[in-house]
Amino acid sequence: MKVILYMAMSVNGMIAKENDDTPWSDEIWKNYYKTAKRFKAIIVGRRTYDLMNSVNEFGKIGNPFVIVLSHQKKDKNQKHTFLQDPNQAIELLNKKKFKEVLLGGGGTVNGLFMKENLIDEIYLDIEPKVFEKGIHLFGDSDFDADLKLLNVKKISKNLIQLHYKVEK
């Protein structure tokens, strides 16, 4: 099972503003939809799930199999899978024979997966913005990791994408 973290990010490492606002350019969103559509499964945290679900974001990316990492219980109206542990998520996806999964945030979930050494690759779309306060790429997680740069791609005049392999 390959876990691929894909995030849009400001130049100072924020994936959203403090109020969960993600004021990314149309180019970033276009690249996100194009990338996310190739995945049949996605893992997100509860706040990201609530935001994506409220605007039918899962429909826009092809209705993948969704796992929500949360300590909160699933509401009876929610049709997606809720788990509490990153390893449970990977175990379930392996059981369902998925070959890869998109890790779609937020910062706390990204940090949990990185701390457990479960991320294989990272794609970062860098937007030339700086947020004074916001959500860090890996939340407040405490870990160290070595990455190997695989590619730098210029998406547009102002946007770049960094592609890393996580050294294990």
N, C-alpha and C. Protein backbone atom coordinates (compact mmCIF):
# COMPACT_ATOMS: atom_id res chain seq x y z
N MET A 1 0.84 -1.18 0.00
CA MET A 1 0.00 0.00 0.00
C MET A 1 0.88 1.24 0.00
N LYS A 2 0.66 2.09 -0.96
CA LYS A 2 1.43 3.32 -1.06
C LYS A 2 0.57 4.48 -0.57
N VAL A 3 1.10 5.25 0.39
CA VAL A 3 0.41 6.41 0.93
C VAL A 3 1.07 7.66 0.37
N ILE A 4 0.25 8.47 -0.32
CA ILE A 4 0.76 9.67 -0.97
C ILE A 4 0.07 10.89 -0.37
N LEU A 5 0.87 11.73 0.27
CA LEU A 5 0.38 12.98 0.81
C LEU A 5 0.41 14.02 -0.30
N TYR A 6 -0.72 14.68 -0.50
CA TYR A 6 -0.80 15.73 -1.52
C TYR A 6 -1.43 16.95 -0.88
N MET A 7 -0.71 18.07 -0.87
CA MET A 7 -1.19 19.29 -0.23
C MET A 7 -0.82 20.52 -1.03
N ALA A 8 -1.70 21.50 -0.97
CA ALA A 8 -1.35 22.86 -1.38
C ALA A 8 -0.82 23.54 -0.13
N MET A 9 0.15 24.43 -0.32
CA MET A 9 0.81 25.00 0.84
C MET A 9 1.32 26.41 0.53
N SER A 10 1.29 27.26 1.54
CA SER A 10 1.89 28.59 1.41
C SER A 10 3.42 28.44 1.53
N VAL A 11 4.14 29.47 1.19
CA VAL A 11 5.60 29.39 1.27
C VAL A 11 6.10 29.28 2.71
N ASN A 12 5.26 29.63 3.69
CA ASN A 12 5.67 29.47 5.08
C ASN A 12 5.05 28.23 5.73
N GLY A 13 4.66 27.25 4.91
CA GLY A 13 4.29 25.94 5.42
C GLY A 13 2.87 25.77 5.92
N MET A 14 1.98 26.68 5.56
CA MET A 14 0.59 26.58 6.00
C MET A 14 -0.27 25.93 4.92
N ILE A 15 -1.16 25.01 5.35
CA ILE A 15 -2.06 24.36 4.39
C ILE A 15 -3.45 25.00 4.40
N ALA A 16 -3.69 25.86 5.37
CA ALA A 16 -4.94 26.62 5.47
C ALA A 16 -4.72 27.75 6.45
N LYS A 17 -5.62 28.72 6.39
CA LYS A 17 -5.59 29.77 7.39
C LYS A 17 -6.13 29.24 8.70
N GLU A 18 -5.98 30.03 9.74
CA GLU A 18 -6.40 29.63 11.08
C GLU A 18 -7.88 29.25 11.14
N ASN A 19 -8.71 29.89 10.30
CA ASN A 19 -10.16 29.64 10.28
C ASN A 19 -10.53 28.55 9.27
N ASP A 20 -9.58 27.75 8.83
CA ASP A 20 -9.75 26.67 7.85
C ASP A 20 -9.94 27.16 6.42
N ASP A 21 -9.84 28.45 6.19
CA ASP A 21 -9.96 29.00 4.84
C ASP A 21 -8.77 28.55 4.00
N THR A 22 -9.04 28.13 2.76
CA THR A 22 -7.99 27.72 1.83
C THR A 22 -8.10 28.58 0.57
N PRO A 23 -7.54 29.79 0.62
CA PRO A 23 -7.69 30.74 -0.48
C PRO A 23 -6.70 30.51 -1.63
N TRP A 24 -6.72 29.31 -2.17
CA TRP A 24 -5.78 28.98 -3.22
C TRP A 24 -6.29 29.47 -4.57
N SER A 25 -5.39 29.62 -5.49
CA SER A 25 -5.71 30.08 -6.85
C SER A 25 -6.49 29.01 -7.61
N ASP A 26 -7.12 29.41 -8.69
CA ASP A 26 -7.83 28.46 -9.56
C ASP A 26 -6.87 27.40 -10.09
N GLU A 27 -5.61 27.81 -10.34
CA GLU A 27 -4.62 26.86 -10.86
C GLU A 27 -4.33 25.75 -9.85
N ILE A 28 -4.24 26.11 -8.58
CA ILE A 28 -4.00 25.10 -7.53
C ILE A 28 -5.18 24.14 -7.47
N TRP A 29 -6.40 24.68 -7.47
CA TRP A 29 -7.59 23.83 -7.38
C TRP A 29 -7.69 22.92 -8.60
N LYS A 30 -7.38 23.43 -9.77
CA LYS A 30 -7.43 22.63 -10.99
C LYS A 30 -6.44 21.46 -10.88
N ASN A 31 -5.24 21.74 -10.41
CA ASN A 31 -4.23 20.70 -10.25
C ASN A 31 -4.66 19.68 -9.18
N TYR A 32 -5.28 20.17 -8.11
CA TYR A 32 -5.77 19.27 -7.05
C TYR A 32 -6.81 18.30 -7.60
N TYR A 33 -7.81 18.82 -8.31
CA TYR A 33 -8.87 17.95 -8.83
C TYR A 33 -8.30 16.92 -9.81
N LYS A 34 -7.40 17.37 -10.65
CA LYS A 34 -6.78 16.46 -11.62
C LYS A 34 -6.03 15.33 -10.90
N THR A 35 -5.28 15.68 -9.87
CA THR A 35 -4.51 14.68 -9.12
C THR A 35 -5.42 13.77 -8.31
N ALA A 36 -6.35 14.36 -7.56
CA ALA A 36 -7.20 13.58 -6.65
C ALA A 36 -8.07 12.58 -7.40
N LYS A 37 -8.47 12.89 -8.62
CA LYS A 37 -9.34 12.00 -9.39
C LYS A 37 -8.67 10.67 -9.73
N ARG A 38 -7.36 10.61 -9.70
CA ARG A 38 -6.70 9.34 -10.04
C ARG A 38 -6.67 8.35 -8.88
N PHE A 39 -7.07 8.79 -7.70
CA PHE A 39 -7.08 7.92 -6.52
C PHE A 39 -8.47 7.35 -6.28
N LYS A 40 -8.50 6.10 -5.88
CA LYS A 40 -9.77 5.43 -5.58
C LYS A 40 -10.08 5.47 -4.08
N ALA A 41 -9.13 5.95 -3.27
CA ALA A 41 -9.32 6.04 -1.83
C ALA A 41 -8.62 7.30 -1.31
N ILE A 42 -9.22 7.88 -0.26
CA ILE A 42 -8.66 9.09 0.35
C ILE A 42 -8.83 8.99 1.87
N ILE A 43 -7.84 9.51 2.59
CA ILE A 43 -7.91 9.60 4.05
C ILE A 43 -7.84 11.07 4.42
N VAL A 44 -8.77 11.50 5.27
CA VAL A 44 -8.79 12.88 5.75
C VAL A 44 -9.12 12.90 7.24
N GLY A 45 -8.84 14.02 7.88
CA GLY A 45 -9.25 14.22 9.27
C GLY A 45 -10.68 14.73 9.32
N ARG A 46 -11.22 14.82 10.52
CA ARG A 46 -12.63 15.18 10.69
C ARG A 46 -12.93 16.59 10.19
N ARG A 47 -12.09 17.58 10.51
CA ARG A 47 -12.36 18.95 10.06
C ARG A 47 -12.30 19.03 8.54
N THR A 48 -11.31 18.39 7.95
CA THR A 48 -11.20 18.38 6.49
C THR A 48 -12.41 17.68 5.90
N TYR A 49 -12.80 16.58 6.50
CA TYR A 49 -13.99 15.84 6.04
C TYR A 49 -15.23 16.73 6.05
N ASP A 50 -15.46 17.39 7.17
CA ASP A 50 -16.66 18.24 7.28
C ASP A 50 -16.65 19.33 6.21
N LEU A 51 -15.49 19.94 5.97
CA LEU A 51 -15.39 20.98 4.94
C LEU A 51 -15.63 20.41 3.54
N MET A 52 -14.98 19.28 3.25
CA MET A 52 -15.12 18.68 1.91
C MET A 52 -16.54 18.16 1.69
N ASN A 53 -17.11 17.56 2.70
CA ASN A 53 -18.44 16.98 2.59
C ASN A 53 -19.51 18.06 2.39
N SER A 54 -19.32 19.21 3.02
CA SER A 54 -20.32 20.29 2.95
C SER A 54 -20.45 20.89 1.55
N VAL A 55 -19.42 20.74 0.73
CA VAL A 55 -19.47 21.31 -0.64
C VAL A 55 -19.34 20.21 -1.70
N ASN A 56 -19.65 18.98 -1.31
CA ASN A 56 -19.60 17.82 -2.22
C ASN A 56 -18.25 17.67 -2.92
N GLU A 57 -17.20 17.94 -2.19
CA GLU A 57 -15.84 17.81 -2.74
C GLU A 57 -15.54 16.37 -3.14
N PHE A 58 -16.08 15.40 -2.41
CA PHE A 58 -15.83 14.00 -2.75
C PHE A 58 -16.44 13.64 -4.09
N GLY A 59 -17.59 14.21 -4.40
CA GLY A 59 -18.20 14.01 -5.71
C GLY A 59 -17.36 14.61 -6.82
N LYS A 60 -16.76 15.75 -6.55
CA LYS A 60 -15.93 16.43 -7.55
C LYS A 60 -14.66 15.65 -7.88
N ILE A 61 -14.23 14.78 -6.94
CA ILE A 61 -13.01 14.01 -7.19
C ILE A 61 -13.33 12.54 -7.48
N GLY A 62 -14.57 12.26 -7.83
CA GLY A 62 -14.92 10.92 -8.30
C GLY A 62 -15.44 9.96 -7.27
N ASN A 63 -15.89 10.46 -6.11
CA ASN A 63 -16.45 9.63 -5.04
C ASN A 63 -15.55 8.46 -4.64
N PRO A 64 -14.35 8.77 -4.17
CA PRO A 64 -13.45 7.70 -3.73
C PRO A 64 -13.95 7.06 -2.43
N PHE A 65 -13.35 5.95 -2.05
CA PHE A 65 -13.58 5.35 -0.75
C PHE A 65 -12.95 6.29 0.27
N VAL A 66 -13.73 6.77 1.23
CA VAL A 66 -13.27 7.79 2.18
C VAL A 66 -13.11 7.21 3.57
N ILE A 67 -11.92 7.41 4.14
CA ILE A 67 -11.69 7.09 5.54
C ILE A 67 -11.45 8.41 6.27
N VAL A 68 -12.19 8.59 7.37
CA VAL A 68 -12.05 9.78 8.20
C VAL A 68 -11.37 9.38 9.49
N LEU A 69 -10.23 9.99 9.78
CA LEU A 69 -9.56 9.75 11.06
C LEU A 69 -10.12 10.74 12.07
N SER A 70 -10.76 10.20 13.10
CA SER A 70 -11.42 11.07 14.07
C SER A 70 -11.66 10.32 15.36
N HIS A 71 -11.61 11.04 16.46
CA HIS A 71 -11.99 10.46 17.75
C HIS A 71 -13.49 10.65 17.99
N GLN A 72 -14.12 11.45 17.14
CA GLN A 72 -15.57 11.64 17.24
C GLN A 72 -16.27 10.48 16.55
N LYS A 73 -17.44 10.19 17.01
CA LYS A 73 -18.23 9.11 16.41
C LYS A 73 -18.84 9.57 15.10
N LYS A 74 -19.08 8.62 14.24
CA LYS A 74 -19.74 8.85 12.97
C LYS A 74 -21.21 9.20 13.24
N ASP A 75 -21.69 10.24 12.54
CA ASP A 75 -23.12 10.56 12.61
C ASP A 75 -23.86 9.54 11.77
N LYS A 76 -25.08 9.22 12.14
CA LYS A 76 -25.82 8.17 11.42
C LYS A 76 -26.06 8.52 9.95
N ASN A 77 -26.02 9.80 9.59
CA ASN A 77 -26.26 10.21 8.20
C ASN A 77 -25.00 10.12 7.33
N GLN A 78 -23.85 9.85 7.94
CA GLN A 78 -22.61 9.84 7.19
C GLN A 78 -22.33 8.44 6.65
N LYS A 79 -21.99 8.40 5.37
CA LYS A 79 -21.82 7.11 4.69
C LYS A 79 -20.36 6.65 4.62
N HIS A 80 -19.44 7.44 5.13
CA HIS A 80 -18.03 7.09 5.01
C HIS A 80 -17.52 6.37 6.26
N THR A 81 -16.32 5.83 6.16
CA THR A 81 -15.73 5.03 7.23
C THR A 81 -14.96 5.92 8.20
N PHE A 82 -15.25 5.80 9.48
CA PHE A 82 -14.59 6.57 10.53
C PHE A 82 -13.72 5.64 11.37
N LEU A 83 -12.44 5.99 11.49
CA LEU A 83 -11.49 5.22 12.30
C LEU A 83 -10.70 6.18 13.17
N GLN A 84 -10.02 5.65 14.18
CA GLN A 84 -9.26 6.50 15.08
C GLN A 84 -7.75 6.43 14.89
N ASP A 85 -7.26 5.44 14.19
CA ASP A 85 -5.83 5.19 14.14
C ASP A 85 -5.34 5.06 12.70
N PRO A 86 -4.22 5.69 12.35
CA PRO A 86 -3.68 5.58 11.00
C PRO A 86 -3.41 4.14 10.57
N ASN A 87 -2.90 3.32 11.50
CA ASN A 87 -2.61 1.93 11.15
C ASN A 87 -3.87 1.14 10.85
N GLN A 88 -4.98 1.45 11.54
CA GLN A 88 -6.27 0.82 11.23
C GLN A 88 -6.69 1.16 9.81
N ALA A 89 -6.48 2.41 9.42
CA ALA A 89 -6.85 2.85 8.08
C ALA A 89 -6.08 2.08 7.01
N ILE A 90 -4.78 1.94 7.21
CA ILE A 90 -3.95 1.22 6.25
C ILE A 90 -4.34 -0.25 6.21
N GLU A 91 -4.60 -0.83 7.37
CA GLU A 91 -5.02 -2.22 7.45
C GLU A 91 -6.32 -2.46 6.67
N LEU A 92 -7.29 -1.56 6.84
CA LEU A 92 -8.56 -1.68 6.12
C LEU A 92 -8.36 -1.54 4.61
N LEU A 93 -7.56 -0.58 4.20
CA LEU A 93 -7.31 -0.38 2.77
C LEU A 93 -6.59 -1.57 2.16
N ASN A 94 -5.65 -2.15 2.89
CA ASN A 94 -4.98 -3.36 2.42
C ASN A 94 -5.98 -4.51 2.28
N LYS A 95 -6.85 -4.64 3.25
CA LYS A 95 -7.86 -5.70 3.23
C LYS A 95 -8.78 -5.53 2.01
N LYS A 96 -9.05 -4.28 1.65
CA LYS A 96 -9.92 -3.99 0.50
C LYS A 96 -9.13 -3.97 -0.82
N LYS A 97 -7.84 -4.28 -0.74
CA LYS A 97 -6.96 -4.44 -1.90
C LYS A 97 -6.68 -3.14 -2.67
N PHE A 98 -6.69 -2.01 -1.97
CA PHE A 98 -6.27 -0.77 -2.60
C PHE A 98 -4.75 -0.78 -2.71
N LYS A 99 -4.24 -0.27 -3.81
CA LYS A 99 -2.79 -0.24 -4.02
C LYS A 99 -2.17 1.08 -3.55
N GLU A 100 -2.97 2.16 -3.56
CA GLU A 100 -2.49 3.45 -3.10
C GLU A 100 -3.66 4.26 -2.55
N VAL A 101 -3.30 5.23 -1.70
CA VAL A 101 -4.30 6.09 -1.09
C VAL A 101 -3.77 7.51 -1.06
N LEU A 102 -4.67 8.45 -1.25
CA LEU A 102 -4.34 9.86 -1.15
C LEU A 102 -4.58 10.30 0.29
N LEU A 103 -3.55 10.85 0.91
CA LEU A 103 -3.70 11.44 2.23
C LEU A 103 -3.97 12.92 2.01
N GLY A 104 -5.17 13.36 2.41
CA GLY A 104 -5.62 14.70 2.05
C GLY A 104 -5.74 15.68 3.20
N GLY A 105 -5.12 15.43 4.34
CA GLY A 105 -5.11 16.42 5.41
C GLY A 105 -6.18 16.18 6.46
N GLY A 106 -6.15 17.02 7.40
CA GLY A 106 -5.38 18.22 7.67
C GLY A 106 -4.06 17.96 8.36
N GLY A 107 -3.55 19.02 8.96
CA GLY A 107 -2.24 18.99 9.55
C GLY A 107 -2.05 17.92 10.62
N THR A 108 -3.04 17.74 11.47
CA THR A 108 -2.94 16.74 12.54
C THR A 108 -2.84 15.34 11.96
N VAL A 109 -3.69 15.04 10.99
CA VAL A 109 -3.68 13.71 10.36
C VAL A 109 -2.37 13.51 9.59
N ASN A 110 -1.92 14.52 8.87
CA ASN A 110 -0.64 14.43 8.17
C ASN A 110 0.48 14.09 9.15
N GLY A 111 0.47 14.78 10.29
CA GLY A 111 1.49 14.54 11.30
C GLY A 111 1.43 13.14 11.90
N LEU A 112 0.21 12.65 12.14
CA LEU A 112 0.06 11.29 12.67
C LEU A 112 0.64 10.26 11.71
N PHE A 113 0.35 10.41 10.42
CA PHE A 113 0.87 9.46 9.43
C PHE A 113 2.38 9.56 9.30
N MET A 114 2.90 10.78 9.35
CA MET A 114 4.34 10.96 9.22
C MET A 114 5.05 10.40 10.46
N LYS A 115 4.50 10.64 11.62
CA LYS A 115 5.10 10.14 12.86
C LYS A 115 5.13 8.62 12.89
N GLU A 116 4.12 7.98 12.30
CA GLU A 116 4.06 6.52 12.24
C GLU A 116 4.84 5.95 11.06
N ASN A 117 5.50 6.85 10.28
CA ASN A 117 6.30 6.45 9.12
C ASN A 117 5.45 5.73 8.07
N LEU A 118 4.26 6.23 7.85
CA LEU A 118 3.33 5.59 6.91
C LEU A 118 3.25 6.29 5.55
N ILE A 119 3.87 7.44 5.41
CA ILE A 119 3.82 8.18 4.14
C ILE A 119 4.99 7.76 3.26
N ASP A 120 4.68 7.43 2.01
CA ASP A 120 5.71 7.01 1.05
C ASP A 120 6.20 8.17 0.19
N GLU A 121 5.26 9.01 -0.25
CA GLU A 121 5.62 10.14 -1.11
C GLU A 121 4.82 11.37 -0.71
N ILE A 122 5.39 12.54 -1.00
CA ILE A 122 4.74 13.81 -0.69
C ILE A 122 4.78 14.68 -1.94
N TYR A 123 3.62 15.20 -2.30
CA TYR A 123 3.50 16.21 -3.35
C TYR A 123 3.05 17.50 -2.69
N LEU A 124 3.80 18.58 -2.91
CA LEU A 124 3.44 19.88 -2.36
C LEU A 124 3.30 20.89 -3.48
N ASP A 125 2.11 21.42 -3.66
CA ASP A 125 1.90 22.52 -4.59
C ASP A 125 2.09 23.81 -3.80
N ILE A 126 3.10 24.58 -4.17
CA ILE A 126 3.46 25.77 -3.41
C ILE A 126 2.89 27.02 -4.07
N GLU A 127 2.04 27.70 -3.33
CA GLU A 127 1.42 28.95 -3.79
C GLU A 127 2.20 30.11 -3.16
N PRO A 128 2.49 31.16 -3.94
CA PRO A 128 3.25 32.28 -3.38
C PRO A 128 2.38 33.15 -2.47
N LYS A 129 2.07 32.60 -1.31
CA LYS A 129 1.29 33.29 -0.28
C LYS A 129 1.95 33.04 1.06
N VAL A 130 1.70 33.94 2.00
CA VAL A 130 2.16 33.77 3.37
C VAL A 130 0.95 34.05 4.26
N PHE A 131 0.67 33.11 5.15
CA PHE A 131 -0.42 33.29 6.12
C PHE A 131 0.21 33.59 7.48
N GLU A 132 -0.25 34.66 8.10
CA GLU A 132 0.28 35.02 9.41
C GLU A 132 0.04 33.90 10.42
N LYS A 133 -1.18 33.39 10.43
CA LYS A 133 -1.54 32.29 11.31
C LYS A 133 -2.27 31.25 10.48
N GLY A 134 -2.05 29.99 10.83
CA GLY A 134 -2.71 28.97 10.05
C GLY A 134 -2.41 27.58 10.54
N ILE A 135 -2.74 26.62 9.69
CA ILE A 135 -2.56 25.21 9.99
C ILE A 135 -1.28 24.74 9.30
N HIS A 136 -0.34 24.26 10.08
CA HIS A 136 0.93 23.78 9.54
C HIS A 136 0.74 22.44 8.82
N LEU A 137 1.60 22.19 7.86
CA LEU A 137 1.54 20.98 7.06
C LEU A 137 1.42 19.72 7.91
N PHE A 138 2.17 19.65 8.99
CA PHE A 138 2.14 18.48 9.87
C PHE A 138 1.62 18.82 11.26
N GLY A 139 0.80 19.85 11.36
CA GLY A 139 0.23 20.23 12.65
C GLY A 139 1.33 20.53 13.64
N ASP A 140 1.15 20.08 14.86
CA ASP A 140 2.15 20.28 15.91
C ASP A 140 2.89 18.98 16.23
N SER A 141 2.99 18.11 15.25
CA SER A 141 3.61 16.79 15.47
C SER A 141 5.08 16.91 15.79
N ASP A 142 5.54 15.91 16.51
CA ASP A 142 6.94 15.85 16.94
C ASP A 142 7.60 14.64 16.29
N PHE A 143 8.37 14.86 15.24
CA PHE A 143 9.07 13.79 14.55
C PHE A 143 10.16 14.39 13.68
N ASP A 144 11.05 13.57 13.22
CA ASP A 144 12.06 13.95 12.23
C ASP A 144 11.92 13.00 11.06
N ALA A 145 12.20 13.48 9.86
CA ALA A 145 12.13 12.63 8.68
C ALA A 145 13.10 13.15 7.63
N ASP A 146 13.62 12.24 6.85
CA ASP A 146 14.47 12.59 5.73
C ASP A 146 13.69 12.37 4.45
N LEU A 147 13.80 13.32 3.53
CA LEU A 147 13.10 13.24 2.26
C LEU A 147 14.11 13.28 1.12
N LYS A 148 13.76 12.65 0.04
CA LYS A 148 14.57 12.71 -1.17
C LYS A 148 13.75 13.41 -2.25
N LEU A 149 14.29 14.50 -2.79
CA LEU A 149 13.59 15.24 -3.83
C LEU A 149 13.60 14.43 -5.12
N LEU A 150 12.40 14.13 -5.63
CA LEU A 150 12.28 13.38 -6.87
C LEU A 150 12.07 14.28 -8.08
N ASN A 151 11.34 15.39 -7.86
CA ASN A 151 11.03 16.25 -9.01
C ASN A 151 10.58 17.62 -8.53
N VAL A 152 10.88 18.62 -9.34
CA VAL A 152 10.35 19.97 -9.19
C VAL A 152 9.67 20.30 -10.50
N LYS A 153 8.40 20.67 -10.42
CA LYS A 153 7.62 20.93 -11.63
C LYS A 153 7.02 22.32 -11.54
N LYS A 154 7.17 23.09 -12.58
CA LYS A 154 6.55 24.40 -12.63
C LYS A 154 5.13 24.22 -13.17
N ILE A 155 4.14 24.48 -12.34
CA ILE A 155 2.74 24.29 -12.72
C ILE A 155 2.25 25.46 -13.57
N SER A 156 2.66 26.66 -13.18
CA SER A 156 2.28 27.87 -13.91
C SER A 156 3.33 28.94 -13.62
N LYS A 157 3.04 30.14 -14.02
CA LYS A 157 3.97 31.24 -13.84
C LYS A 157 4.38 31.41 -12.37
N ASN A 158 3.44 31.23 -11.45
CA ASN A 158 3.70 31.46 -10.03
C ASN A 158 3.70 30.22 -9.15
N LEU A 159 3.39 29.07 -9.70
CA LEU A 159 3.23 27.87 -8.87
C LEU A 159 4.24 26.79 -9.20
N ILE A 160 4.74 26.15 -8.14
CA ILE A 160 5.61 24.99 -8.34
C ILE A 160 5.08 23.80 -7.55
N GLN A 161 5.47 22.62 -7.99
CA GLN A 161 5.14 21.40 -7.27
C GLN A 161 6.43 20.69 -6.92
N LEU A 162 6.57 20.34 -5.65
CA LEU A 162 7.71 19.56 -5.18
C LEU A 162 7.23 18.14 -4.95
N HIS A 163 8.01 17.18 -5.38
CA HIS A 163 7.67 15.77 -5.21
C HIS A 163 8.82 15.10 -4.47
N TYR A 164 8.49 14.54 -3.31
CA TYR A 164 9.49 13.91 -2.45
C TYR A 164 9.16 12.44 -2.20
N LYS A 165 10.20 11.68 -1.98
CA LYS A 165 10.06 10.32 -1.46
C LYS A 165 10.47 10.41 0.00
N VAL A 166 9.71 9.75 0.87
CA VAL A 166 10.07 9.73 2.29
C VAL A 166 11.04 8.58 2.49
N GLU A 167 12.21 8.90 3.01
CA GLU A 167 13.23 7.89 3.26
C GLU A 167 12.83 7.11 4.52
N LYS A 168 12.84 5.80 4.43
CA LYS A 168 12.42 4.98 5.58
C LYS A 168 13.56 4.14 6.10
